[in-house]
C-alpha atoms as a PDB file:
ATOM      1  CA  MET A   1      97.379 102.470 112.804  1.00  0.00           C
ATOM      2  CA  ARG A   2      97.553 100.163 116.033  1.00  0.00           C
ATOM      3  CA  ILE A   3      98.387 100.971 119.376  1.00  0.00           C
ATOM      4  CA  ILE A   4      98.451  98.930 122.569  1.00  0.00           C
ATOM      5  CA  ALA A   5      97.453 101.246 125.889  1.00  0.00           C
ATOM      6  CA  GLN A   6      98.308 100.166 129.111  1.00  0.00           C
ATOM      7  CA  ARG A   7      96.851 101.919 132.225  1.00  0.00           C
ATOM      8  CA  VAL A   8     100.296 102.353 134.397  1.00  0.00           C
ATOM      9  CA  SER A   9     101.238 103.590 137.698  1.00  0.00           C
ATOM     10  CA  ASN A  10     104.680 104.258 136.504  1.00  0.00           C
ATOM     11  CA  ALA A  11     106.817 103.780 133.259  1.00  0.00           C
ATOM     12  CA  SER A  12     110.057 104.404 131.644  1.00  0.00           C
ATOM     13  CA  VAL A  13     111.962 104.031 128.530  1.00  0.00           C
ATOM     14  CA  THR A  14     115.873 103.677 128.798  1.00  0.00           C
ATOM     15  CA  ILE A  15     118.204 103.365 125.843  1.00  0.00           C
ATOM     16  CA  ALA A  16     121.861 102.761 126.373  1.00  0.00           C
ATOM     17  CA  GLY A  17     121.582 102.859 129.861  1.00  0.00           C
ATOM     18  CA  ARG A  18     120.419 106.055 129.742  1.00  0.00           C
ATOM     19  CA  GLU A  19     116.424 107.018 130.623  1.00  0.00           C
ATOM     20  CA  VAL A  20     115.008 109.033 127.708  1.00  0.00           C
ATOM     21  CA  GLY A  21     111.465 109.243 128.875  1.00  0.00           C
ATOM     22  CA  ALA A  22     109.318 108.600 131.966  1.00  0.00           C
ATOM     23  CA  ILE A  23     105.935 109.174 133.478  1.00  0.00           C
ATOM     24  CA  ALA A  24     104.532 108.690 136.900  1.00  0.00           C
ATOM     25  CA  GLY A  25     100.801 107.624 135.987  1.00  0.00           C
ATOM     26  CA  GLY A  26      98.987 107.420 132.849  1.00  0.00           C
ATOM     27  CA  PHE A  27      99.409 105.412 129.591  1.00  0.00           C
ATOM     28  CA  MET A  28     102.122 103.402 128.168  1.00  0.00           C
ATOM     29  CA  VAL A  29     101.477 103.289 124.520  1.00  0.00           C
ATOM     30  CA  LEU A  30     102.990 101.185 121.974  1.00  0.00           C
ATOM     31  CA  VAL A  31     102.440 102.868 118.321  1.00  0.00           C
ATOM     32  CA  GLY A  32     102.471 100.675 115.258  1.00  0.00           C
ATOM     33  CA  VAL A  33     102.011 102.468 111.682  1.00  0.00           C
ATOM     34  CA  GLY A  34     100.742 100.482 108.827  1.00  0.00           C
ATOM     35  CA  PRO A  35     102.002 101.146 105.305  1.00  0.00           C
ATOM     36  CA  HIS A  36      98.346 102.529 104.152  1.00  0.00           C
ATOM     37  CA  ASP A  37      97.838 104.562 107.305  1.00  0.00           C
ATOM     38  CA  THR A  38      97.229 108.676 107.159  1.00  0.00           C
ATOM     39  CA  ALA A  39      97.448 111.839 109.415  1.00  0.00           C
ATOM     40  CA  ALA A  40      93.640 111.216 109.782  1.00  0.00           C
ATOM     41  CA  ASP A  41      94.445 108.073 111.204  1.00  0.00           C
ATOM     42  CA  ALA A  42      96.774 109.569 113.665  1.00  0.00           C
ATOM     43  CA  ASP A  43      94.730 112.166 114.562  1.00  0.00           C
ATOM     44  CA  LYS A  44      91.576 109.849 115.055  1.00  0.00           C
ATOM     45  CA  LEU A  45      93.668 107.770 117.272  1.00  0.00           C
ATOM     46  CA  ALA A  46      94.899 110.291 119.473  1.00  0.00           C
ATOM     47  CA  THR A  47      91.416 111.863 119.906  1.00  0.00           C
ATOM     48  CA  LYS A  48      90.114 108.397 120.902  1.00  0.00           C
ATOM     49  CA  LEU A  49      93.074 107.566 123.274  1.00  0.00           C
ATOM     50  CA  ALA A  50      92.548 110.840 124.990  1.00  0.00           C
ATOM     51  CA  LYS A  51      89.136 110.579 125.524  1.00  0.00           C
ATOM     52  CA  LEU A  52      88.959 106.716 126.450  1.00  0.00           C
ATOM     53  CA  ARG A  53      87.116 106.270 129.849  1.00  0.00           C
ATOM     54  CA  VAL A  54      89.249 103.562 131.683  1.00  0.00           C
ATOM     55  CA  PHE A  55      90.331 105.456 134.652  1.00  0.00           C
ATOM     56  CA  SER A  56      88.428 104.965 138.055  1.00  0.00           C
ATOM     57  CA  ASP A  57      86.150 107.433 139.432  1.00  0.00           C
ATOM     58  CA  ASP A  58      85.133 107.853 143.183  1.00  0.00           C
ATOM     59  CA  ALA A  59      83.103 104.911 143.071  1.00  0.00           C
ATOM     60  CA  GLY A  60      85.527 102.365 141.542  1.00  0.00           C
ATOM     61  CA  LYS A  61      83.908 102.473 138.030  1.00  0.00           C
ATOM     62  CA  MET A  62      86.103 102.853 134.912  1.00  0.00           C
ATOM     63  CA  ASN A  63      84.601 106.099 133.893  1.00  0.00           C
ATOM     64  CA  LEU A  64      87.277 108.800 133.830  1.00  0.00           C
ATOM     65  CA  SER A  65      89.627 109.682 130.734  1.00  0.00           C
ATOM     66  CA  ILE A  66      93.366 110.217 131.154  1.00  0.00           C
ATOM     67  CA  GLN A  67      92.384 114.068 130.704  1.00  0.00           C
ATOM     68  CA  ASP A  68      90.100 113.843 133.722  1.00  0.00           C
ATOM     69  CA  VAL A  69      92.830 112.391 136.148  1.00  0.00           C
ATOM     70  CA  GLY A  70      95.762 114.697 134.841  1.00  0.00           C
ATOM     71  CA  GLY A  71      97.628 111.302 133.434  1.00  0.00           C
ATOM     72  CA  ALA A  72     100.568 111.500 131.035  1.00  0.00           C
ATOM     73  CA  ILE A  73     101.361 109.296 128.503  1.00  0.00           C
ATOM     74  CA  LEU A  74     104.761 107.525 127.527  1.00  0.00           C
ATOM     75  CA  SER A  75     104.537 106.683 123.635  1.00  0.00           C
ATOM     76  CA  VAL A  76     107.029 104.079 122.393  1.00  0.00           C
ATOM     77  CA  SER A  77     107.125 103.338 118.464  1.00  0.00           C
ATOM     78  CA  GLN A  78     106.388  99.516 117.684  1.00  0.00           C
ATOM     79  CA  PHE A  79     106.444  98.470 114.069  1.00  0.00           C
ATOM     80  CA  THR A  80     106.155  94.779 115.433  1.00  0.00           C
ATOM     81  CA  LEU A  81     102.521  95.464 116.178  1.00  0.00           C
ATOM     82  CA  TYR A  82     102.216  94.466 112.542  1.00  0.00           C
ATOM     83  CA  ALA A  83     104.006  91.092 112.718  1.00  0.00           C
ATOM     84  CA  ASP A  84     102.709  88.419 110.206  1.00  0.00           C
ATOM     85  CA  THR A  85     102.937  85.142 112.022  1.00  0.00           C
ATOM     86  CA  LYS A  86     100.961  82.965 109.477  1.00  0.00           C
ATOM     87  CA  LYS A  87     103.834  81.188 108.104  1.00  0.00           C
ATOM     88  CA  GLY A  88     106.619  79.324 109.956  1.00  0.00           C
ATOM     89  CA  ASN A  89     107.741  80.577 113.470  1.00  0.00           C
ATOM     90  CA  ARG A  90     109.774  83.688 112.772  1.00  0.00           C
ATOM     91  CA  PRO A  91     107.387  86.792 112.021  1.00  0.00           C
ATOM     92  CA  SER A  92     107.400  89.073 108.991  1.00  0.00           C
ATOM     93  CA  PHE A  93     107.307  92.978 109.369  1.00  0.00           C
ATOM     94  CA  THR A  94     106.296  93.353 105.760  1.00  0.00           C
ATOM     95  CA  GLY A  95     102.870  94.725 106.783  1.00  0.00           C
ATOM     96  CA  ALA A  96     104.675  97.543 108.971  1.00  0.00           C
ATOM     97  CA  ALA A  97     105.083 101.191 107.375  1.00  0.00           C
ATOM     98  CA  GLY A  98     108.495 102.290 106.032  1.00  0.00           C
ATOM     99  CA  PRO A  99     110.748 104.001 108.496  1.00  0.00           C
ATOM    100  CA  GLU A 100     109.758 107.415 106.952  1.00  0.00           C
ATOM    101  CA  LEU A 101     106.162 107.252 106.991  1.00  0.00           C
ATOM    102  CA  GLY A 102     105.996 105.330 110.611  1.00  0.00           C
ATOM    103  CA  ARG A 103     108.485 108.323 111.944  1.00  0.00           C
ATOM    104  CA  GLN A 104     106.301 110.923 110.493  1.00  0.00           C
ATOM    105  CA  LEU A 105     102.794 109.564 111.626  1.00  0.00           C
ATOM    106  CA  TYR A 106     104.343 108.280 115.061  1.00  0.00           C
ATOM    107  CA  GLN A 107     105.303 112.157 115.409  1.00  0.00           C
ATOM    108  CA  ARG A 108     102.094 113.205 114.454  1.00  0.00           C
ATOM    109  CA  PHE A 109     100.423 111.058 117.157  1.00  0.00           C
ATOM    110  CA  ASN A 110     102.292 112.444 119.512  1.00  0.00           C
ATOM    111  CA  ASP A 111     102.014 115.962 118.482  1.00  0.00           C
ATOM    112  CA  GLN A 112      98.192 115.293 118.371  1.00  0.00           C
ATOM    113  CA  LEU A 113      98.032 114.144 121.841  1.00  0.00           C
ATOM    114  CA  ARG A 114      99.833 117.140 123.340  1.00  0.00           C
ATOM    115  CA  GLU A 115      97.190 119.185 121.280  1.00  0.00           C
ATOM    116  CA  HIS A 116      94.650 117.439 123.792  1.00  0.00           C
ATOM    117  CA  GLY A 117      96.673 119.103 126.530  1.00  0.00           C
ATOM    118  CA  LEU A 118      98.438 115.923 127.476  1.00  0.00           C
ATOM    119  CA  THR A 119     101.996 115.381 128.782  1.00  0.00           C
ATOM    120  CA  VAL A 120     103.857 113.106 126.252  1.00  0.00           C
ATOM    121  CA  ALA A 121     107.149 111.412 126.960  1.00  0.00           C
ATOM    122  CA  THR A 122     108.580 109.342 124.355  1.00  0.00           C
ATOM    123  CA  GLY A 123     111.159 106.560 123.475  1.00  0.00           C
ATOM    124  CA  GLU A 124     113.311 107.302 120.164  1.00  0.00           C
ATOM    125  CA  PHE A 125     111.600 106.139 117.046  1.00  0.00           C
ATOM    126  CA  GLY A 126     113.959 102.877 115.636  1.00  0.00           C
ATOM    127  CA  ALA A 127     116.139 102.571 118.553  1.00  0.00           C
ATOM    128  CA  ASP A 128     116.706  99.444 120.704  1.00  0.00           C
ATOM    129  CA  MET A 129     114.601 100.418 123.724  1.00  0.00           C
ATOM    130  CA  GLN A 130     114.195  98.849 127.126  1.00  0.00           C
ATOM    131  CA  VAL A 131     110.809  99.639 128.616  1.00  0.00           C
ATOM    132  CA  ALA A 132     109.811  98.988 132.143  1.00  0.00           C
ATOM    133  CA  LEU A 133     106.355  99.678 133.663  1.00  0.00           C
ATOM    134  CA  VAL A 134     103.896  98.980 136.560  1.00  0.00           C
ATOM    135  CA  ASN A 135     100.658  97.809 135.017  1.00  0.00           C
ATOM    136  CA  ASP A 136      97.730  99.401 137.020  1.00  0.00           C
ATOM    137  CA  GLY A 137      94.492  97.168 137.013  1.00  0.00           C
ATOM    138  CA  PRO A 138      96.176  95.676 134.893  1.00  0.00           C
ATOM    139  CA  VAL A 139      93.960  97.742 132.098  1.00  0.00           C
ATOM    140  CA  THR A 140      95.257  96.975 128.451  1.00  0.00           C
ATOM    141  CA  ILE A 141      93.481  98.190 125.503  1.00  0.00           C
ATOM    142  CA  MET A 142      94.120  97.512 121.717  1.00  0.00           C
ATOM    143  CA  LEU A 143      93.043 100.396 119.327  1.00  0.00           C
ATOM    144  CA  ASP A 144      93.188  99.785 115.544  1.00  0.00           C
ATOM    145  CA  THR A 145      92.135 102.520 112.965  1.00  0.00           C
ATOM    146  CA  GLU A 146      91.004  99.780 110.417  1.00  0.00           C
ATOM    147  CA  ALA A 147      88.438  98.595 113.290  1.00  0.00           C
ATOM    148  CA  MET A 148      87.233 102.233 114.135  1.00  0.00           C
END
């Protein structure tokens, strides 16, 4: 599994003109699932994100986790994190998990974040979504279970 986590002041996701998820501050997370990912990968990634210390303490150092600052997460499924651009100019997405596994592990990841006591808003798996956010920092971190 792969995620891109952006520290945000606020973020929202809209589908067909209707806001379906929004947070005031925390992480906006793009979540991609690969074909060989497992529930253990979703669990490991959720734990890592919940404990990732990229929020500023009183001294201005990135020393606090999202749990420490009471932040929330806006989680958006993003199969394009598995884009293959080696050949030509049109990406291939054959490296992404199929919809059934993708949906299952995306949901598991979100459920595990909630198990860590975090508030999680989501988009809709497979929908055409418009995402708005105000990057804070900016701080953008990529996590990949293959590298953990």
